[in-house]
mmCIF file of all heavy atoms, coordinates in Angstrom:
data_MODEL
# 
_entry.id   MODEL 
# 
loop_
_atom_site.group_PDB 
_atom_site.id 
_atom_site.type_symbol 
_atom_site.label_atom_id 
_atom_site.label_alt_id 
_atom_site.label_comp_id 
_atom_site.label_asym_id 
_atom_site.label_entity_id 
_atom_site.label_seq_id 
_atom_site.pdbx_PDB_ins_code 
_atom_site.Cartn_x 
_atom_site.Cartn_y 
_atom_site.Cartn_z 
_atom_site.occupancy 
_atom_site.B_iso_or_equiv 
_atom_site.pdbx_formal_charge 
_atom_site.auth_seq_id 
_atom_site.auth_comp_id 
_atom_site.auth_asym_id 
_atom_site.auth_atom_id 
_atom_site.pdbx_PDB_model_num 
ATOM 1   N N   . ARG A 1 1  ? -50.530 25.623 10.979 1.00 0.00 ? 1  ARG A N   1 
ATOM 2   C CA  . ARG A 1 1  ? -50.329 25.382 9.539  1.00 0.00 ? 1  ARG A CA  1 
ATOM 3   C C   . ARG A 1 1  ? -48.917 24.868 9.274  1.00 0.00 ? 1  ARG A C   1 
ATOM 4   O O   . ARG A 1 1  ? -48.714 23.907 8.535  1.00 0.00 ? 1  ARG A O   1 
ATOM 5   C CB  . ARG A 1 1  ? -50.582 26.671 8.757  1.00 0.00 ? 1  ARG A CB  1 
ATOM 6   C CG  . ARG A 1 1  ? -50.467 26.524 7.246  1.00 0.00 ? 1  ARG A CG  1 
ATOM 7   C CD  . ARG A 1 1  ? -50.987 27.766 6.537  1.00 0.00 ? 1  ARG A CD  1 
ATOM 8   N NE  . ARG A 1 1  ? -50.861 27.669 5.094  1.00 0.00 ? 1  ARG A NE  1 
ATOM 9   C CZ  . ARG A 1 1  ? -49.796 28.073 4.413  1.00 0.00 ? 1  ARG A CZ  1 
ATOM 10  N NH1 . ARG A 1 1  ? -48.769 28.622 5.061  1.00 0.00 ? 1  ARG A NH1 1 
ATOM 11  N NH2 . ARG A 1 1  ? -49.758 27.962 3.098  1.00 0.00 ? 1  ARG A NH2 1 
ATOM 12  N N   . GLY A 1 2  ? -47.936 25.511 9.917  1.00 0.00 ? 2  GLY A N   1 
ATOM 13  C CA  . GLY A 1 2  ? -46.565 25.075 9.737  1.00 0.00 ? 2  GLY A CA  1 
ATOM 14  C C   . GLY A 1 2  ? -46.327 23.687 10.302 1.00 0.00 ? 2  GLY A C   1 
ATOM 15  O O   . GLY A 1 2  ? -45.611 22.866 9.715  1.00 0.00 ? 2  GLY A O   1 
ATOM 16  N N   . GLU A 1 3  ? -46.940 23.397 11.472 1.00 0.00 ? 3  GLU A N   1 
ATOM 17  C CA  . GLU A 1 3  ? -46.807 22.077 12.068 1.00 0.00 ? 3  GLU A CA  1 
ATOM 18  C C   . GLU A 1 3  ? -47.383 21.010 11.143 1.00 0.00 ? 3  GLU A C   1 
ATOM 19  O O   . GLU A 1 3  ? -46.772 19.951 10.927 1.00 0.00 ? 3  GLU A O   1 
ATOM 20  C CB  . GLU A 1 3  ? -47.522 22.040 13.423 1.00 0.00 ? 3  GLU A CB  1 
ATOM 21  C CG  . GLU A 1 3  ? -47.404 20.703 14.138 1.00 0.00 ? 3  GLU A CG  1 
ATOM 22  C CD  . GLU A 1 3  ? -48.201 20.628 15.435 1.00 0.00 ? 3  GLU A CD  1 
ATOM 23  O OE1 . GLU A 1 3  ? -49.040 21.534 15.683 1.00 0.00 ? 3  GLU A OE1 1 
ATOM 24  O OE2 . GLU A 1 3  ? -47.993 19.662 16.198 1.00 0.00 ? 3  GLU A OE2 1 
ATOM 25  N N   . MET A 1 4  ? -48.554 21.285 10.570 1.00 0.00 ? 4  MET A N   1 
ATOM 26  C CA  . MET A 1 4  ? -49.196 20.305 9.713  1.00 0.00 ? 4  MET A CA  1 
ATOM 27  C C   . MET A 1 4  ? -48.421 20.103 8.425  1.00 0.00 ? 4  MET A C   1 
ATOM 28  O O   . MET A 1 4  ? -48.348 18.979 7.904  1.00 0.00 ? 4  MET A O   1 
ATOM 29  C CB  . MET A 1 4  ? -50.635 20.740 9.412  1.00 0.00 ? 4  MET A CB  1 
ATOM 30  C CG  . MET A 1 4  ? -51.516 19.609 8.886  1.00 0.00 ? 4  MET A CG  1 
ATOM 31  S SD  . MET A 1 4  ? -51.730 18.254 10.068 1.00 0.00 ? 4  MET A SD  1 
ATOM 32  C CE  . MET A 1 4  ? -51.293 16.835 9.047  1.00 0.00 ? 4  MET A CE  1 
ATOM 33  N N   . GLN A 1 5  ? -47.815 21.151 7.888  1.00 0.00 ? 5  GLN A N   1 
ATOM 34  C CA  . GLN A 1 5  ? -47.004 21.000 6.678  1.00 0.00 ? 5  GLN A CA  1 
ATOM 35  C C   . GLN A 1 5  ? -45.836 20.049 6.932  1.00 0.00 ? 5  GLN A C   1 
ATOM 36  O O   . GLN A 1 5  ? -45.524 19.184 6.104  1.00 0.00 ? 5  GLN A O   1 
ATOM 37  C CB  . GLN A 1 5  ? -46.493 22.365 6.219  1.00 0.00 ? 5  GLN A CB  1 
ATOM 38  C CG  . GLN A 1 5  ? -47.549 23.233 5.569  1.00 0.00 ? 5  GLN A CG  1 
ATOM 39  C CD  . GLN A 1 5  ? -47.024 24.611 5.195  1.00 0.00 ? 5  GLN A CD  1 
ATOM 40  O OE1 . GLN A 1 5  ? -46.025 25.099 5.746  1.00 0.00 ? 5  GLN A OE1 1 
ATOM 41  N NE2 . GLN A 1 5  ? -47.672 25.252 4.239  1.00 0.00 ? 5  GLN A NE2 1 
ATOM 42  N N   . ARG A 1 6  ? -45.194 20.216 8.061  1.00 0.00 ? 6  ARG A N   1 
ATOM 43  C CA  . ARG A 1 6  ? -44.088 19.317 8.416  1.00 0.00 ? 6  ARG A CA  1 
ATOM 44  C C   . ARG A 1 6  ? -44.574 17.885 8.576  1.00 0.00 ? 6  ARG A C   1 
ATOM 45  O O   . ARG A 1 6  ? -43.917 16.933 8.131  1.00 0.00 ? 6  ARG A O   1 
ATOM 46  C CB  . ARG A 1 6  ? -43.418 19.786 9.711  1.00 0.00 ? 6  ARG A CB  1 
ATOM 47  C CG  . ARG A 1 6  ? -42.682 21.111 9.609  1.00 0.00 ? 6  ARG A CG  1 
ATOM 48  C CD  . ARG A 1 6  ? -42.188 21.561 10.992 1.00 0.00 ? 6  ARG A CD  1 
ATOM 49  N NE  . ARG A 1 6  ? -41.451 22.805 10.933 1.00 0.00 ? 6  ARG A NE  1 
ATOM 50  C CZ  . ARG A 1 6  ? -40.980 23.437 12.012 1.00 0.00 ? 6  ARG A CZ  1 
ATOM 51  N NH1 . ARG A 1 6  ? -41.180 22.923 13.228 1.00 0.00 ? 6  ARG A NH1 1 
ATOM 52  N NH2 . ARG A 1 6  ? -40.312 24.572 11.887 1.00 0.00 ? 6  ARG A NH2 1 
ATOM 53  N N   . LEU A 1 7  ? -45.723 17.717 9.225  1.00 0.00 ? 7  LEU A N   1 
ATOM 54  C CA  . LEU A 1 7  ? -46.252 16.379 9.449  1.00 0.00 ? 7  LEU A CA  1 
ATOM 55  C C   . LEU A 1 7  ? -46.724 15.730 8.152  1.00 0.00 ? 7  LEU A C   1 
ATOM 56  O O   . LEU A 1 7  ? -46.530 14.520 7.953  1.00 0.00 ? 7  LEU A O   1 
ATOM 57  C CB  . LEU A 1 7  ? -47.397 16.427 10.466 1.00 0.00 ? 7  LEU A CB  1 
ATOM 58  C CG  . LEU A 1 7  ? -46.963 16.681 11.908 1.00 0.00 ? 7  LEU A CG  1 
ATOM 59  C CD1 . LEU A 1 7  ? -48.161 17.005 12.787 1.00 0.00 ? 7  LEU A CD1 1 
ATOM 60  C CD2 . LEU A 1 7  ? -46.202 15.483 12.474 1.00 0.00 ? 7  LEU A CD2 1 
ATOM 61  N N   . ASP A 1 8  ? -47.349 16.502 7.271  1.00 0.00 ? 8  ASP A N   1 
ATOM 62  C CA  . ASP A 1 8  ? -47.749 15.963 5.968  1.00 0.00 ? 8  ASP A CA  1 
ATOM 63  C C   . ASP A 1 8  ? -46.529 15.380 5.255  1.00 0.00 ? 8  ASP A C   1 
ATOM 64  O O   . ASP A 1 8  ? -46.587 14.285 4.689  1.00 0.00 ? 8  ASP A O   1 
ATOM 65  C CB  . ASP A 1 8  ? -48.371 17.063 5.099  1.00 0.00 ? 8  ASP A CB  1 
ATOM 66  C CG  . ASP A 1 8  ? -49.823 17.348 5.447  1.00 0.00 ? 8  ASP A CG  1 
ATOM 67  O OD1 . ASP A 1 8  ? -50.492 16.456 5.999  1.00 0.00 ? 8  ASP A OD1 1 
ATOM 68  O OD2 . ASP A 1 8  ? -50.291 18.467 5.166  1.00 0.00 ? 8  ASP A OD2 1 
ATOM 69  N N   . TRP A 1 9  ? -45.449 16.124 5.279  1.00 0.00 ? 9  TRP A N   1 
ATOM 70  C CA  . TRP A 1 9  ? -44.216 15.674 4.614  1.00 0.00 ? 9  TRP A CA  1 
ATOM 71  C C   . TRP A 1 9  ? -43.700 14.389 5.245  1.00 0.00 ? 9  TRP A C   1 
ATOM 72  O O   . TRP A 1 9  ? -43.439 13.397 4.558  1.00 0.00 ? 9  TRP A O   1 
ATOM 73  C CB  . TRP A 1 9  ? -43.163 16.784 4.716  1.00 0.00 ? 9  TRP A CB  1 
ATOM 74  C CG  . TRP A 1 9  ? -41.805 16.361 4.236  1.00 0.00 ? 9  TRP A CG  1 
ATOM 75  C CD1 . TRP A 1 9  ? -41.388 16.248 2.944  1.00 0.00 ? 9  TRP A CD1 1 
ATOM 76  C CD2 . TRP A 1 9  ? -40.691 15.987 5.065  1.00 0.00 ? 9  TRP A CD2 1 
ATOM 77  N NE1 . TRP A 1 9  ? -40.076 15.819 2.920  1.00 0.00 ? 9  TRP A NE1 1 
ATOM 78  C CE2 . TRP A 1 9  ? -39.627 15.657 4.187  1.00 0.00 ? 9  TRP A CE2 1 
ATOM 79  C CE3 . TRP A 1 9  ? -40.492 15.910 6.445  1.00 0.00 ? 9  TRP A CE3 1 
ATOM 80  C CZ2 . TRP A 1 9  ? -38.376 15.246 4.665  1.00 0.00 ? 9  TRP A CZ2 1 
ATOM 81  C CZ3 . TRP A 1 9  ? -39.252 15.502 6.922  1.00 0.00 ? 9  TRP A CZ3 1 
ATOM 82  C CH2 . TRP A 1 9  ? -38.214 15.179 6.043  1.00 0.00 ? 9  TRP A CH2 1 
ATOM 83  N N   . ALA A 1 10 ? -43.572 14.386 6.573  1.00 0.00 ? 10 ALA A N   1 
ATOM 84  C CA  . ALA A 1 10 ? -42.979 13.239 7.265  1.00 0.00 ? 10 ALA A CA  1 
ATOM 85  C C   . ALA A 1 10 ? -43.878 12.011 7.226  1.00 0.00 ? 10 ALA A C   1 
ATOM 86  O O   . ALA A 1 10 ? -43.417 10.892 6.923  1.00 0.00 ? 10 ALA A O   1 
ATOM 87  C CB  . ALA A 1 10 ? -42.671 13.614 8.708  1.00 0.00 ? 10 ALA A CB  1 
ATOM 88  N N   . LEU A 1 11 ? -45.148 12.179 7.535  1.00 0.00 ? 11 LEU A N   1 
ATOM 89  C CA  . LEU A 1 11 ? -46.050 11.034 7.598  1.00 0.00 ? 11 LEU A CA  1 
ATOM 90  C C   . LEU A 1 11 ? -46.256 10.412 6.226  1.00 0.00 ? 11 LEU A C   1 
ATOM 91  O O   . LEU A 1 11 ? -46.393 9.184  6.102  1.00 0.00 ? 11 LEU A O   1 
ATOM 92  C CB  . LEU A 1 11 ? -47.392 11.458 8.207  1.00 0.00 ? 11 LEU A CB  1 
ATOM 93  C CG  . LEU A 1 11 ? -47.316 11.899 9.675  1.00 0.00 ? 11 LEU A CG  1 
ATOM 94  C CD1 . LEU A 1 11 ? -48.665 12.471 10.126 1.00 0.00 ? 11 LEU A CD1 1 
ATOM 95  C CD2 . LEU A 1 11 ? -46.923 10.741 10.585 1.00 0.00 ? 11 LEU A CD2 1 
ATOM 96  N N   . GLY A 1 12 ? -46.272 11.241 5.190  1.00 0.00 ? 12 GLY A N   1 
ATOM 97  C CA  . GLY A 1 12 ? -46.393 10.709 3.833  1.00 0.00 ? 12 GLY A CA  1 
ATOM 98  C C   . GLY A 1 12 ? -45.238 9.792  3.484  1.00 0.00 ? 12 GLY A C   1 
ATOM 99  O O   . GLY A 1 12 ? -45.419 8.706  2.912  1.00 0.00 ? 12 GLY A O   1 
ATOM 100 N N   . ILE A 1 13 ? -44.032 10.213 3.836  1.00 0.00 ? 13 ILE A N   1 
ATOM 101 C CA  . ILE A 1 13 ? -42.840 9.397  3.563  1.00 0.00 ? 13 ILE A CA  1 
ATOM 102 C C   . ILE A 1 13 ? -42.871 8.114  4.387  1.00 0.00 ? 13 ILE A C   1 
ATOM 103 O O   . ILE A 1 13 ? -42.627 7.012  3.871  1.00 0.00 ? 13 ILE A O   1 
ATOM 104 C CB  . ILE A 1 13 ? -41.565 10.205 3.866  1.00 0.00 ? 13 ILE A CB  1 
ATOM 105 C CG1 . ILE A 1 13 ? -41.437 11.361 2.871  1.00 0.00 ? 13 ILE A CG1 1 
ATOM 106 C CG2 . ILE A 1 13 ? -40.334 9.306  3.824  1.00 0.00 ? 13 ILE A CG2 1 
ATOM 107 C CD1 . ILE A 1 13 ? -40.355 12.360 3.233  1.00 0.00 ? 13 ILE A CD1 1 
ATOM 108 N N   . ILE A 1 14 ? -43.173 8.234  5.676  1.00 0.00 ? 14 ILE A N   1 
ATOM 109 C CA  . ILE A 1 14 ? -43.149 7.061  6.552  1.00 0.00 ? 14 ILE A CA  1 
ATOM 110 C C   . ILE A 1 14 ? -44.206 6.045  6.139  1.00 0.00 ? 14 ILE A C   1 
ATOM 111 O O   . ILE A 1 14 ? -43.937 4.829  6.098  1.00 0.00 ? 14 ILE A O   1 
ATOM 112 C CB  . ILE A 1 14 ? -43.342 7.478  8.026  1.00 0.00 ? 14 ILE A CB  1 
ATOM 113 C CG1 . ILE A 1 14 ? -42.170 8.340  8.486  1.00 0.00 ? 14 ILE A CG1 1 
ATOM 114 C CG2 . ILE A 1 14 ? -43.471 6.243  8.918  1.00 0.00 ? 14 ILE A CG2 1 
ATOM 115 C CD1 . ILE A 1 14 ? -42.380 8.987  9.844  1.00 0.00 ? 14 ILE A CD1 1 
ATOM 116 N N   . ARG A 1 15 ? -45.401 6.512  5.820  1.00 0.00 ? 15 ARG A N   1 
ATOM 117 C CA  . ARG A 1 15 ? -46.453 5.586  5.402  1.00 0.00 ? 15 ARG A CA  1 
ATOM 118 C C   . ARG A 1 15 ? -46.087 4.904  4.079  1.00 0.00 ? 15 ARG A C   1 
ATOM 119 O O   . ARG A 1 15 ? -46.477 3.755  3.836  1.00 0.00 ? 15 ARG A O   1 
ATOM 120 C CB  . ARG A 1 15 ? -47.788 6.319  5.270  1.00 0.00 ? 15 ARG A CB  1 
ATOM 121 C CG  . ARG A 1 15 ? -48.509 6.527  6.594  1.00 0.00 ? 15 ARG A CG  1 
ATOM 122 C CD  . ARG A 1 15 ? -48.900 5.208  7.200  1.00 0.00 ? 15 ARG A CD  1 
ATOM 123 N NE  . ARG A 1 15 ? -49.654 5.337  8.457  1.00 0.00 ? 15 ARG A NE  1 
ATOM 124 C CZ  . ARG A 1 15 ? -49.502 4.535  9.494  1.00 0.00 ? 15 ARG A CZ  1 
ATOM 125 N NH1 . ARG A 1 15 ? -48.625 3.558  9.438  1.00 0.00 ? 15 ARG A NH1 1 
ATOM 126 N NH2 . ARG A 1 15 ? -50.219 4.690  10.575 1.00 0.00 ? 15 ARG A NH2 1 
ATOM 127 N N   . ARG A 1 16 ? -45.308 5.571  3.246  1.00 0.00 ? 16 ARG A N   1 
ATOM 128 C CA  . ARG A 1 16 ? -44.901 4.965  1.976  1.00 0.00 ? 16 ARG A CA  1 
ATOM 129 C C   . ARG A 1 16 ? -43.855 3.874  2.196  1.00 0.00 ? 16 ARG A C   1 
ATOM 130 O O   . ARG A 1 16 ? -43.931 2.801  1.602  1.00 0.00 ? 16 ARG A O   1 
ATOM 131 C CB  . ARG A 1 16 ? -44.340 6.039  1.038  1.00 0.00 ? 16 ARG A CB  1 
ATOM 132 C CG  . ARG A 1 16 ? -44.018 5.498  -0.360 1.00 0.00 ? 16 ARG A CG  1 
ATOM 133 C CD  . ARG A 1 16 ? -43.478 6.570  -1.285 1.00 0.00 ? 16 ARG A CD  1 
ATOM 134 N NE  . ARG A 1 16 ? -42.092 6.905  -0.969 1.00 0.00 ? 16 ARG A NE  1 
ATOM 135 C CZ  . ARG A 1 16 ? -41.679 8.098  -0.579 1.00 0.00 ? 16 ARG A CZ  1 
ATOM 136 N NH1 . ARG A 1 16 ? -42.548 9.083  -0.408 1.00 0.00 ? 16 ARG A NH1 1 
ATOM 137 N NH2 . ARG A 1 16 ? -40.395 8.318  -0.348 1.00 0.00 ? 16 ARG A NH2 1 
ATOM 138 N N   . VAL A 1 17 ? -42.883 4.130  3.052  1.00 0.00 ? 17 VAL A N   1 
ATOM 139 C CA  . VAL A 1 17 ? -41.781 3.179  3.221  1.00 0.00 ? 17 VAL A CA  1 
ATOM 140 C C   . VAL A 1 17 ? -42.098 2.096  4.253  1.00 0.00 ? 17 VAL A C   1 
ATOM 141 O O   . VAL A 1 17 ? -41.509 1.013  4.220  1.00 0.00 ? 17 VAL A O   1 
ATOM 142 C CB  . VAL A 1 17 ? -40.474 3.912  3.597  1.00 0.00 ? 17 VAL A CB  1 
ATOM 143 C CG1 . VAL A 1 17 ? -40.099 4.917  2.530  1.00 0.00 ? 17 VAL A CG1 1 
ATOM 144 C CG2 . VAL A 1 17 ? -40.574 4.583  4.965  1.00 0.00 ? 17 VAL A CG2 1 
ATOM 145 N N   . SER A 1 18 ? -43.016 2.379  5.176  1.00 0.00 ? 18 SER A N   1 
ATOM 146 C CA  . SER A 1 18 ? -43.363 1.388  6.204  1.00 0.00 ? 18 SER A CA  1 
ATOM 147 C C   . SER A 1 18 ? -44.839 1.543  6.568  1.00 0.00 ? 18 SER A C   1 
ATOM 148 O O   . SER A 1 18 ? -45.182 2.078  7.625  1.00 0.00 ? 18 SER A O   1 
ATOM 149 C CB  . SER A 1 18 ? -42.481 1.581  7.443  1.00 0.00 ? 18 SER A CB  1 
ATOM 150 O OG  . SER A 1 18 ? -42.690 0.548  8.373  1.00 0.00 ? 18 SER A OG  1 
ATOM 151 N N   . PRO A 1 19 ? -45.726 1.070  5.696  1.00 0.00 ? 19 PRO A N   1 
ATOM 152 C CA  . PRO A 1 19 ? -47.159 1.351  5.858  1.00 0.00 ? 19 PRO A CA  1 
ATOM 153 C C   . PRO A 1 19 ? -47.799 0.778  7.111  1.00 0.00 ? 19 PRO A C   1 
ATOM 154 O O   . PRO A 1 19 ? -48.825 1.279  7.563  1.00 0.00 ? 19 PRO A O   1 
ATOM 155 C CB  . PRO A 1 19 ? -47.779 0.741  4.587  1.00 0.00 ? 19 PRO A CB  1 
ATOM 156 C CG  . PRO A 1 19 ? -46.775 -0.241 4.087  1.00 0.00 ? 19 PRO A CG  1 
ATOM 157 C CD  . PRO A 1 19 ? -45.444 0.308  4.470  1.00 0.00 ? 19 PRO A CD  1 
ATOM 158 N N   . ASP A 1 20 ? -47.202 -0.262 7.690  1.00 0.00 ? 20 ASP A N   1 
ATOM 159 C CA  . ASP A 1 20 ? -47.849 -0.923 8.820  1.00 0.00 ? 20 ASP A CA  1 
ATOM 160 C C   . ASP A 1 20 ? -47.306 -0.507 10.181 1.00 0.00 ? 20 ASP A C   1 
ATOM 161 O O   . ASP A 1 20 ? -47.790 -0.984 11.215 1.00 0.00 ? 20 ASP A O   1 
ATOM 162 C CB  . ASP A 1 20 ? -47.706 -2.446 8.680  1.00 0.00 ? 20 ASP A CB  1 
ATOM 163 C CG  . ASP A 1 20 ? -48.420 -2.984 7.447  1.00 0.00 ? 20 ASP A CG  1 
ATOM 164 O OD1 . ASP A 1 20 ? -49.475 -2.422 7.090  1.00 0.00 ? 20 ASP A OD1 1 
ATOM 165 O OD2 . ASP A 1 20 ? -47.916 -3.949 6.848  1.00 0.00 ? 20 ASP A OD2 1 
ATOM 166 N N   . VAL A 1 21 ? -46.309 0.364  10.214 1.00 0.00 ? 21 VAL A N   1 
ATOM 167 C CA  . VAL A 1 21 ? -45.728 0.753  11.493 1.00 0.00 ? 21 VAL A CA  1 
ATOM 168 C C   . VAL A 1 21 ? -46.754 1.506  12.339 1.00 0.00 ? 21 VAL A C   1 
ATOM 169 O O   . VAL A 1 21 ? -47.589 2.252  11.808 1.00 0.00 ? 21 VAL A O   1 
ATOM 170 C CB  . VAL A 1 21 ? -44.468 1.626  11.284 1.00 0.00 ? 21 VAL A CB  1 
ATOM 171 C CG1 . VAL A 1 21 ? -44.813 2.951  10.616 1.00 0.00 ? 21 VAL A CG1 1 
ATOM 172 C CG2 . VAL A 1 21 ? -43.760 1.881  12.610 1.00 0.00 ? 21 VAL A CG2 1 
ATOM 173 N N   . ILE A 1 22 ? -46.732 1.276  13.641 1.00 0.00 ? 22 ILE A N   1 
ATOM 174 C CA  . ILE A 1 22 ? -47.601 2.021  14.549 1.00 0.00 ? 22 ILE A CA  1 
ATOM 175 C C   . ILE A 1 22 ? -47.040 3.428  14.693 1.00 0.00 ? 22 ILE A C   1 
ATOM 176 O O   . ILE A 1 22 ? -45.894 3.620  15.113 1.00 0.00 ? 22 ILE A O   1 
ATOM 177 C CB  . ILE A 1 22 ? -47.687 1.337  15.923 1.00 0.00 ? 22 ILE A CB  1 
ATOM 178 C CG1 . ILE A 1 22 ? -48.273 -0.067 15.786 1.00 0.00 ? 22 ILE A CG1 1 
ATOM 179 C CG2 . ILE A 1 22 ? -48.548 2.172  16.883 1.00 0.00 ? 22 ILE A CG2 1 
ATOM 180 C CD1 . ILE A 1 22 ? -48.292 -0.866 17.080 1.00 0.00 ? 22 ILE A CD1 1 
ATOM 181 N N   . LEU A 1 23 ? -47.847 4.430  14.340 1.00 0.00 ? 23 LEU A N   1 
ATOM 182 C CA  . LEU A 1 23 ? -47.411 5.816  14.357 1.00 0.00 ? 23 LEU A CA  1 
ATOM 183 C C   . LEU A 1 23 ? -48.129 6.603  15.445 1.00 0.00 ? 23 LEU A C   1 
ATOM 184 O O   . LEU A 1 23 ? -49.352 6.586  15.536 1.00 0.00 ? 23 LEU A O   1 
ATOM 185 C CB  . LEU A 1 23 ? -47.681 6.492  13.000 1.00 0.00 ? 23 LEU A CB  1 
ATOM 186 C CG  . LEU A 1 23 ? -46.747 6.156  11.850 1.00 0.00 ? 23 LEU A CG  1 
ATOM 187 C CD1 . LEU A 1 23 ? -47.150 6.946  10.609 1.00 0.00 ? 23 LEU A CD1 1 
ATOM 188 C CD2 . LEU A 1 23 ? -45.303 6.459  12.222 1.00 0.00 ? 23 LEU A CD2 1 
ATOM 189 N N   . SER A 1 24 ? -47.344 7.298  16.233 1.00 0.00 ? 24 SER A N   1 
ATOM 190 C CA  . SER A 1 24 ? -47.850 8.250  17.218 1.00 0.00 ? 24 SER A CA  1 
ATOM 191 C C   . SER A 1 24 ? -47.487 9.649  16.739 1.00 0.00 ? 24 SER A C   1 
ATOM 192 O O   . SER A 1 24 ? -46.389 9.866  16.217 1.00 0.00 ? 24 SER A O   1 
ATOM 193 C CB  . SER A 1 24 ? -47.198 7.971  18.579 1.00 0.00 ? 24 SER A CB  1 
ATOM 194 O OG  . SER A 1 24 ? -47.410 9.039  19.480 1.00 0.00 ? 24 SER A OG  1 
ATOM 195 N N   . VAL A 1 25 ? -48.397 10.581 16.908 1.00 0.00 ? 25 VAL A N   1 
ATOM 196 C CA  . VAL A 1 25 ? -48.118 11.974 16.543 1.00 0.00 ? 25 VAL A CA  1 
ATOM 197 C C   . VAL A 1 25 ? -48.106 12.817 17.810 1.00 0.00 ? 25 VAL A C   1 
ATOM 198 O O   . VAL A 1 25 ? -49.052 12.801 18.599 1.00 0.00 ? 25 VAL A O   1 
ATOM 199 C CB  . VAL A 1 25 ? -49.153 12.519 15.538 1.00 0.00 ? 25 VAL A CB  1 
ATOM 200 C CG1 . VAL A 1 25 ? -48.956 14.016 15.332 1.00 0.00 ? 25 VAL A CG1 1 
ATOM 201 C CG2 . VAL A 1 25 ? -49.029 11.783 14.208 1.00 0.00 ? 25 VAL A CG2 1 
ATOM 202 N N   . ASP A 1 26 ? -47.011 13.518 17.983 1.00 0.00 ? 26 ASP A N   1 
ATOM 203 C CA  . ASP A 1 26 ? -46.780 14.366 19.159 1.00 0.00 ? 26 ASP A CA  1 
ATOM 204 C C   . ASP A 1 26 ? -47.302 15.763 18.857 1.00 0.00 ? 26 ASP A C   1 
ATOM 205 O O   . ASP A 1 26 ? -46.631 16.559 18.196 1.00 0.00 ? 26 ASP A O   1 
ATOM 206 C CB  . ASP A 1 26 ? -45.272 14.368 19.442 1.00 0.00 ? 26 ASP A CB  1 
ATOM 207 C CG  . ASP A 1 26 ? -44.893 15.197 20.658 1.00 0.00 ? 26 ASP A CG  1 
ATOM 208 O OD1 . ASP A 1 26 ? -45.784 15.824 21.260 1.00 0.00 ? 26 ASP A OD1 1 
ATOM 209 O OD2 . ASP A 1 26 ? -43.702 15.220 20.999 1.00 0.00 ? 26 ASP A OD2 1 
ATOM 210 N N   . THR A 1 27 ? -48.523 16.055 19.326 1.00 0.00 ? 27 THR A N   1 
ATOM 211 C CA  . THR A 1 27 ? -49.114 17.370 19.096 1.00 0.00 ? 27 THR A CA  1 
ATOM 212 C C   . THR A 1 27 ? -50.071 17.715 20.230 1.00 0.00 ? 27 THR A C   1 
ATOM 213 O O   . THR A 1 27 ? -50.673 16.824 20.832 1.00 0.00 ? 27 THR A O   1 
ATOM 214 C CB  . THR A 1 27 ? -49.872 17.426 17.751 1.00 0.00 ? 27 THR A CB  1 
ATOM 215 O OG1 . THR A 1 27 ? -50.351 18.765 17.525 1.00 0.00 ? 27 THR A OG1 1 
ATOM 216 C CG2 . THR A 1 27 ? -51.066 16.468 17.729 1.00 0.00 ? 27 THR A CG2 1 
ATOM 217 N N   . TYR A 1 28 ? -50.198 19.004 20.525 1.00 0.00 ? 28 TYR A N   1 
ATOM 218 C CA  . TYR A 1 28 ? -51.180 19.443 21.510 1.00 0.00 ? 28 TYR A CA  1 
ATOM 219 C C   . TYR A 1 28 ? -52.342 20.167 20.851 1.00 0.00 ? 28 TYR A C   1 
ATOM 220 O O   . TYR A 1 28 ? -53.208 20.715 21.526 1.00 0.00 ? 28 TYR A O   1 
ATOM 221 C CB  . TYR A 1 28 ? -50.535 20.341 22.574 1.00 0.00 ? 28 TYR A CB  1 
ATOM 222 C CG  . TYR A 1 28 ? -49.761 21.529 22.040 1.00 0.00 ? 28 TYR A CG  1 
ATOM 223 C CD1 . TYR A 1 28 ? -50.418 22.668 21.572 1.00 0.00 ? 28 TYR A CD1 1 
ATOM 224 C CD2 . TYR A 1 28 ? -48.376 21.530 22.018 1.00 0.00 ? 28 TYR A CD2 1 
ATOM 225 C CE1 . TYR A 1 28 ? -49.724 23.762 21.096 1.00 0.00 ? 28 TYR A CE1 1 
ATOM 226 C CE2 . TYR A 1 28 ? -47.660 22.617 21.548 1.00 0.00 ? 28 TYR A CE2 1 
ATOM 227 C CZ  . TYR A 1 28 ? -48.333 23.732 21.082 1.00 0.00 ? 28 TYR A CZ  1 
ATOM 228 O OH  . TYR A 1 28 ? -47.633 24.818 20.604 1.00 0.00 ? 28 TYR A OH  1 
# 
């Protein structure tokens, strides 16, 4: 839950400022 909260915050910002960038998510 904590990991996803952090990712929601970060990915939301990144997709807003650079929508076309190739994004990899580091998670197991």
